[in-house]
Amino acid sequence: MYVITKEFSFCASHLLIGLPANHPCSKLHGHNYVVIAELKTDFVDQTGFVVDYRKLDPIKQYLDSKFDHQHLNDVIDFNPTAENLAAHLFCMFIKTFPMLSAIIVKETPKTSARYDTS
């Protein structure tokens, strides 16, 4: 099995709905997000690629145009947790990239959420 990943990043603010008022995430705050797209397949193309990394540019373009330097609560209609963002991005791109096996959203270097096909 071949597995590749590509990382993307964006900066955005958010606050999470449904938390106690004293929870730090219920207050306006921001993150330097890292999004990792993982693609998996049994075969590579004639060049030896799972997919040319440059063909993943639609993911970068989407993140840059929709999320970068935005307040996420204003641009999406769901609670902007890392988990919900990972699922949203996976569903956005699975048709474009059928080998997409997971999306990981990191809010900090130590925290991440993964949405995958398993």
Protein backbone atom coordinates (compact mmCIF):
# COMPACT_ATOMS: atom_id res chain seq x y z
CA MET A 1 0.00 0.00 0.00
CA TYR A 2 1.30 3.44 -0.93
CA VAL A 3 0.46 6.37 1.34
CA ILE A 4 1.32 10.02 0.72
CA THR A 5 0.53 13.14 2.69
CA LYS A 6 0.62 16.82 1.96
CA GLU A 7 0.37 19.62 4.52
CA PHE A 8 -1.44 22.90 4.09
CA SER A 9 -1.86 25.75 6.55
CA PHE A 10 -4.11 28.66 7.33
CA CYS A 11 -4.65 31.13 10.17
CA ALA A 12 -8.12 31.73 11.54
CA SER A 13 -10.11 32.62 14.63
CA HIS A 14 -13.12 30.87 16.11
CA LEU A 15 -15.03 30.22 19.26
CA LEU A 16 -16.81 27.02 20.16
CA ILE A 17 -20.51 26.92 20.94
CA GLY A 18 -21.93 24.78 23.73
CA LEU A 19 -19.07 25.02 26.20
CA PRO A 20 -19.24 26.50 29.69
CA ALA A 21 -18.62 30.26 29.74
CA ASN A 22 -15.39 29.77 31.67
CA HIS A 23 -13.94 27.30 29.12
CA PRO A 24 -11.09 28.97 27.18
CA CYS A 25 -12.42 27.72 23.82
CA SER A 26 -15.76 29.45 24.37
CA LYS A 27 -13.93 32.76 24.00
CA LEU A 28 -12.69 34.27 20.75
CA HIS A 29 -9.24 32.87 19.95
CA GLY A 30 -7.17 31.83 16.96
CA HIS A 31 -4.97 29.07 15.63
CA ASN A 32 -2.30 28.51 13.03
CA TYR A 33 -4.01 25.46 11.57
CA VAL A 34 -2.24 22.68 9.71
CA VAL A 35 -4.33 20.44 7.46
CA ILE A 36 -2.84 17.14 6.32
CA ALA A 37 -4.37 15.31 3.37
CA GLU A 38 -3.55 11.60 3.23
CA LEU A 39 -4.01 9.57 0.04
CA LYS A 40 -3.70 5.80 -0.15
CA THR A 41 -3.61 3.31 -3.03
CA ASP A 42 -2.21 -0.04 -4.12
CA PHE A 43 -0.80 1.34 -7.36
CA VAL A 44 1.30 4.24 -8.60
CA ASP A 45 1.12 5.87 -12.03
CA GLN A 46 3.71 5.57 -14.83
CA THR A 47 5.84 8.23 -13.13
CA GLY A 48 5.75 6.40 -9.83
CA PHE A 49 3.35 8.81 -8.13
CA VAL A 50 0.25 8.11 -6.09
CA VAL A 51 -0.72 11.56 -7.36
CA ASP A 52 1.40 14.53 -8.34
CA TYR A 53 1.43 16.75 -5.24
CA ARG A 54 0.72 19.77 -7.44
CA LYS A 55 -2.67 18.26 -8.34
CA LEU A 56 -3.67 18.76 -4.69
CA ASP A 57 -3.66 22.55 -5.20
CA PRO A 58 -7.50 22.72 -5.06
CA ILE A 59 -7.26 21.95 -1.35
CA LYS A 60 -4.84 24.84 -0.81
CA GLN A 61 -7.00 27.16 -2.91
CA TYR A 62 -10.10 26.25 -0.91
CA LEU A 63 -8.38 26.79 2.45
CA ASP A 64 -6.88 30.09 1.30
CA SER A 65 -10.11 31.47 -0.12
CA LYS A 66 -12.58 30.19 2.48
CA PHE A 67 -10.71 29.96 5.80
CA ASP A 68 -7.41 31.87 5.81
CA HIS A 69 -7.55 34.98 8.01
CA GLN A 70 -11.28 34.51 8.60
CA HIS A 71 -13.43 34.08 11.68
CA LEU A 72 -14.59 30.50 11.10
CA ASN A 73 -17.94 31.00 12.84
CA ASP A 74 -18.79 33.53 10.11
CA VAL A 75 -17.92 31.33 7.12
CA ILE A 76 -19.22 27.87 8.06
CA ASP A 77 -22.57 26.71 9.40
CA PHE A 78 -21.32 24.20 11.99
CA ASN A 79 -19.41 24.40 15.27
CA PRO A 80 -15.80 24.89 14.09
CA THR A 81 -14.10 22.14 16.08
CA ALA A 82 -11.06 20.43 14.58
CA GLU A 83 -13.17 17.27 14.31
CA ASN A 84 -15.91 19.02 12.33
CA LEU A 85 -13.39 20.78 10.10
CA ALA A 86 -11.67 17.46 9.30
CA ALA A 87 -14.97 15.82 8.35
CA HIS A 88 -16.03 18.84 6.29
CA LEU A 89 -12.77 18.90 4.34
CA PHE A 90 -12.84 15.15 3.77
CA CYS A 91 -16.38 15.33 2.37
CA MET A 92 -15.43 18.35 0.22
CA PHE A 93 -12.56 16.56 -1.49
CA ILE A 94 -13.30 12.83 -1.59
CA LYS A 95 -14.99 13.11 -5.00
CA THR A 96 -12.09 15.11 -6.46
CA PHE A 97 -9.49 12.79 -4.92
CA PRO A 98 -10.94 9.25 -4.65
CA MET A 99 -7.69 8.00 -3.07
CA LEU A 100 -8.18 10.43 -0.16
CA SER A 101 -8.04 8.26 2.95
CA ALA A 102 -7.89 10.86 5.73
CA ILE A 103 -7.86 14.53 6.63
CA ILE A 104 -6.08 15.62 9.78
CA VAL A 105 -6.63 19.08 11.24
CA LYS A 106 -4.07 20.33 13.75
CA GLU A 107 -4.93 23.35 15.87
CA THR A 108 -1.61 23.23 17.71
CA PRO A 109 1.56 21.15 17.30
CA LYS A 110 0.25 18.84 20.05
CA THR A 111 -3.46 18.53 19.16
CA SER A 112 -5.15 17.12 16.09
CA ALA A 113 -8.35 15.54 14.84
CA ARG A 114 -8.50 12.92 12.10
CA TYR A 115 -11.40 11.98 9.83
CA ASP A 116 -10.78 8.87 7.75
CA THR A 117 -12.36 6.08 5.76
CA SER A 118 -12.00 3.34 8.38
